[in-house]
N, C-alpha and C. Protein backbone atom coordinates (compact mmCIF):
# COMPACT_ATOMS: atom_id res chain seq x y z
N UNK A 1 0.79 -1.07 -0.10
CA UNK A 1 0.14 -0.16 0.15
C UNK A 1 0.84 1.20 0.05
N UNK A 2 0.46 2.28 -0.76
CA UNK A 2 1.38 3.24 -1.03
C UNK A 2 1.24 4.34 0.28
N UNK A 3 0.27 4.02 1.55
CA UNK A 3 0.06 4.30 2.43
C UNK A 3 1.33 4.37 3.40
N UNK A 4 2.11 3.08 3.30
CA UNK A 4 2.86 2.63 3.84
C UNK A 4 4.09 3.04 3.95
N UNK A 5 4.55 3.22 2.96
CA UNK A 5 5.78 4.10 2.05
C UNK A 5 5.57 5.52 2.51
N UNK A 6 4.85 5.51 2.80
CA UNK A 6 4.29 7.71 3.09
C UNK A 6 3.83 7.71 4.38
N UNK A 7 3.79 6.66 4.76
CA UNK A 7 3.44 7.10 6.35
C UNK A 7 4.43 7.60 7.55
N UNK A 8 5.45 8.29 7.27
CA UNK A 8 6.38 8.57 8.25
C UNK A 8 6.85 10.17 7.75
N UNK A 9 6.07 10.55 6.26
CA UNK A 9 6.31 11.86 5.42
C UNK A 9 5.67 12.81 6.28
N UNK A 10 6.16 14.34 6.59
CA UNK A 10 5.97 15.43 7.28
C UNK A 10 5.77 16.36 6.02
N UNK A 11 5.14 16.28 4.90
CA UNK A 11 5.01 17.23 4.37
C UNK A 11 3.27 17.35 4.29
N UNK A 12 2.73 18.51 4.43
CA UNK A 12 1.30 18.25 4.54
C UNK A 12 0.57 18.01 3.65
N UNK A 13 0.96 18.21 2.42
CA UNK A 13 -0.03 17.54 1.33
C UNK A 13 -0.19 16.35 1.39
N UNK A 14 1.16 15.80 1.59
CA UNK A 14 0.97 14.27 1.39
C UNK A 14 -0.09 13.76 2.33
N UNK A 15 0.23 14.23 3.83
CA UNK A 15 -0.50 13.64 4.79
C UNK A 15 -2.22 13.93 4.59
N UNK A 16 -2.38 15.19 3.99
CA UNK A 16 -3.64 15.28 3.41
C UNK A 16 -4.54 14.33 2.27
N UNK A 17 -3.51 14.17 1.29
CA UNK A 17 -3.59 13.30 0.56
C UNK A 17 -4.02 11.37 1.24
N UNK A 18 -3.01 10.88 2.03
CA UNK A 18 -2.95 10.14 2.64
C UNK A 18 -4.34 9.83 3.57
N UNK A 19 -4.86 11.11 4.43
CA UNK A 19 -6.11 10.64 4.82
C UNK A 19 -7.25 10.65 3.93
N UNK A 20 -7.27 11.65 3.17
CA UNK A 20 -7.92 11.14 1.72
C UNK A 20 -8.40 9.78 1.15
N UNK A 21 -7.19 9.28 1.13
CA UNK A 21 -7.12 7.73 0.72
C UNK A 21 -7.74 6.74 1.61
N UNK A 22 -6.90 7.06 2.99
CA UNK A 22 -7.54 6.05 4.26
C UNK A 22 -8.77 6.54 4.12
N UNK A 23 -9.43 7.60 4.49
CA UNK A 23 -10.85 7.82 4.81
C UNK A 23 -12.00 6.90 3.84
N UNK A 24 -11.39 7.15 2.01
CA UNK A 24 -12.11 6.64 1.01
C UNK A 24 -12.03 5.11 1.47
N UNK A 25 -10.91 4.68 1.81
CA UNK A 25 -10.70 3.19 1.55
C UNK A 25 -11.64 2.45 2.93
N UNK A 26 -11.79 3.55 4.00
CA UNK A 26 -12.73 3.04 4.65
C UNK A 26 -14.37 2.89 4.75
N UNK A 27 -14.59 3.14 3.62
CA UNK A 27 -15.89 2.67 3.04
C UNK A 27 -15.98 1.27 2.82
N UNK A 28 -15.04 0.52 2.01
CA UNK A 28 -14.59 -0.61 1.43
C UNK A 28 -14.22 -1.53 2.88
N UNK A 29 -13.33 -1.24 3.03
CA UNK A 29 -12.83 -1.90 4.42
C UNK A 29 -12.47 -1.53 5.78
N UNK A 30 -13.26 -1.00 6.35
CA UNK A 30 -13.13 -0.23 7.55
C UNK A 30 -11.95 -0.79 8.52
N UNK A 31 -12.12 -2.32 8.58
CA UNK A 31 -11.60 -3.12 9.52
C UNK A 31 -9.64 -3.06 9.08
N UNK A 32 -9.35 -2.84 7.55
CA UNK A 32 -7.84 -2.69 7.23
C UNK A 32 -7.46 -1.62 7.58
N UNK A 33 -8.36 -0.63 7.34
CA UNK A 33 -8.14 0.64 7.62
C UNK A 33 -7.50 1.24 9.17
N UNK A 34 -8.24 0.84 10.12
CA UNK A 34 -8.37 0.62 11.51
C UNK A 34 -6.88 -0.01 11.99
N UNK A 35 -6.46 -1.28 11.20
CA UNK A 35 -5.64 -1.83 11.50
C UNK A 35 -4.23 -0.82 11.07
N UNK A 36 -4.36 -0.59 9.71
CA UNK A 36 -3.30 0.08 9.73
C UNK A 36 -2.78 1.49 10.52
N UNK A 37 -3.81 2.28 10.90
CA UNK A 37 -3.59 3.23 11.53
C UNK A 37 -3.39 3.00 13.27
N UNK A 38 -3.72 1.88 13.67
CA UNK A 38 -3.17 1.48 14.83
C UNK A 38 -1.40 0.58 14.91
N UNK A 39 -1.38 0.24 13.80
CA UNK A 39 -0.02 -0.14 13.55
C UNK A 39 0.95 0.65 13.23
N UNK A 40 0.57 1.79 12.26
CA UNK A 40 1.45 2.93 11.83
C UNK A 40 1.37 4.37 13.12
N UNK A 41 0.75 4.12 13.99
CA UNK A 41 0.24 5.28 14.81
C UNK A 41 1.44 6.22 15.06
N UNK A 42 2.85 5.38 15.45
CA UNK A 42 3.62 6.88 15.58
C UNK A 42 3.88 7.34 14.40
N UNK A 43 4.06 6.57 13.59
CA UNK A 43 4.58 7.33 12.23
C UNK A 43 3.85 8.40 11.64
N UNK A 44 2.39 8.00 11.61
CA UNK A 44 1.48 8.92 10.81
C UNK A 44 1.44 10.38 11.34
N UNK A 45 1.19 11.49 10.60
CA UNK A 45 0.69 12.65 11.26
C UNK A 45 -0.48 12.79 11.77
N UNK A 46 -0.61 13.54 13.07
CA UNK A 46 -1.22 13.60 14.00
C UNK A 46 -3.35 14.04 12.91
N UNK A 47 -2.92 14.60 11.87
CA UNK A 47 -4.11 15.42 11.22
C UNK A 47 -4.79 13.72 10.39
N UNK A 48 -3.72 12.96 10.23
CA UNK A 48 -4.31 11.76 9.28
C UNK A 48 -5.03 10.81 10.36
N UNK A 49 -4.25 10.44 11.55
CA UNK A 49 -4.93 9.86 12.81
C UNK A 49 -6.37 10.20 13.08
N UNK A 50 -6.47 11.42 13.50
CA UNK A 50 -7.64 12.02 13.87
C UNK A 50 -8.69 12.12 12.64
N UNK A 51 -8.19 12.41 11.66
CA UNK A 51 -9.51 12.63 10.33
C UNK A 51 -10.11 11.07 10.20
N UNK A 52 -8.97 9.95 10.25
CA UNK A 52 -9.51 8.83 9.96
C UNK A 52 -10.03 8.51 10.86
N UNK A 53 -9.66 8.09 12.32
CA UNK A 53 -10.66 7.74 13.23
C UNK A 53 -12.25 8.12 13.55
N UNK A 54 -12.09 9.74 13.49
CA UNK A 54 -13.09 10.44 13.19
C UNK A 54 -14.22 10.08 11.98
N UNK A 55 -13.57 9.43 11.14
CA UNK A 55 -14.45 8.87 9.62
C UNK A 55 -14.99 7.62 10.35
N UNK A 56 -13.99 6.74 10.31
CA UNK A 56 -14.23 5.20 11.36
C UNK A 56 -15.50 5.45 12.19
N UNK A 57 -15.41 6.03 13.21
CA UNK A 57 -16.35 6.42 14.10
C UNK A 57 -18.05 7.12 13.98
N UNK A 58 -17.46 7.92 13.56
CA UNK A 58 -18.83 9.03 13.34
C UNK A 58 -19.46 8.94 11.92
N UNK A 59 -18.35 8.48 10.75
CA UNK A 59 -18.97 8.51 9.64
C UNK A 59 -18.73 9.58 8.75
N UNK A 60 -18.17 10.81 9.29
CA UNK A 60 -17.41 12.23 8.91
C UNK A 60 -16.16 12.26 9.26
N UNK A 61 -15.40 13.51 8.46
CA UNK A 61 -13.99 13.77 8.66
C UNK A 61 -13.93 14.68 9.91
N UNK A 62 -14.93 15.48 10.02
CA UNK A 62 -14.57 16.24 11.18
C UNK A 62 -16.36 16.23 11.98
N UNK A 63 -16.85 15.69 12.99
CA UNK A 63 -18.06 15.64 13.31
C UNK A 63 -18.52 16.75 13.91
N UNK A 64 -17.65 17.72 14.26
CA UNK A 64 -18.25 19.23 14.57
C UNK A 64 -19.19 19.69 13.10
N UNK A 65 -18.60 19.55 12.02
CA UNK A 65 -19.32 20.00 10.78
C UNK A 65 -20.87 19.25 11.08
N UNK A 66 -20.94 17.95 10.92
CA UNK A 66 -21.99 17.35 10.97
C UNK A 66 -23.01 17.91 11.38
N UNK A 67 -23.27 19.17 12.71
CA UNK A 67 -23.85 19.36 13.60
C UNK A 67 -24.46 20.89 12.92
N UNK A 68 -23.57 21.08 12.02
CA UNK A 68 -23.82 22.63 11.28
C UNK A 68 -24.81 22.74 10.27
């Protein structure tokens, strides 16, 4: 998976792209995405972990926006 190669990358645009890819994959295979985030938690940028975990638990990237 491309995200494994890029997990430690600190570039903001890479993190946003990885977050998007993982959130999209979570629609098809949430268990695999959850496992990936757990296994690479130390390497992943906080933005990626936050957005992907929110998507897995609430179904949206930013749960506060759901209230609006």
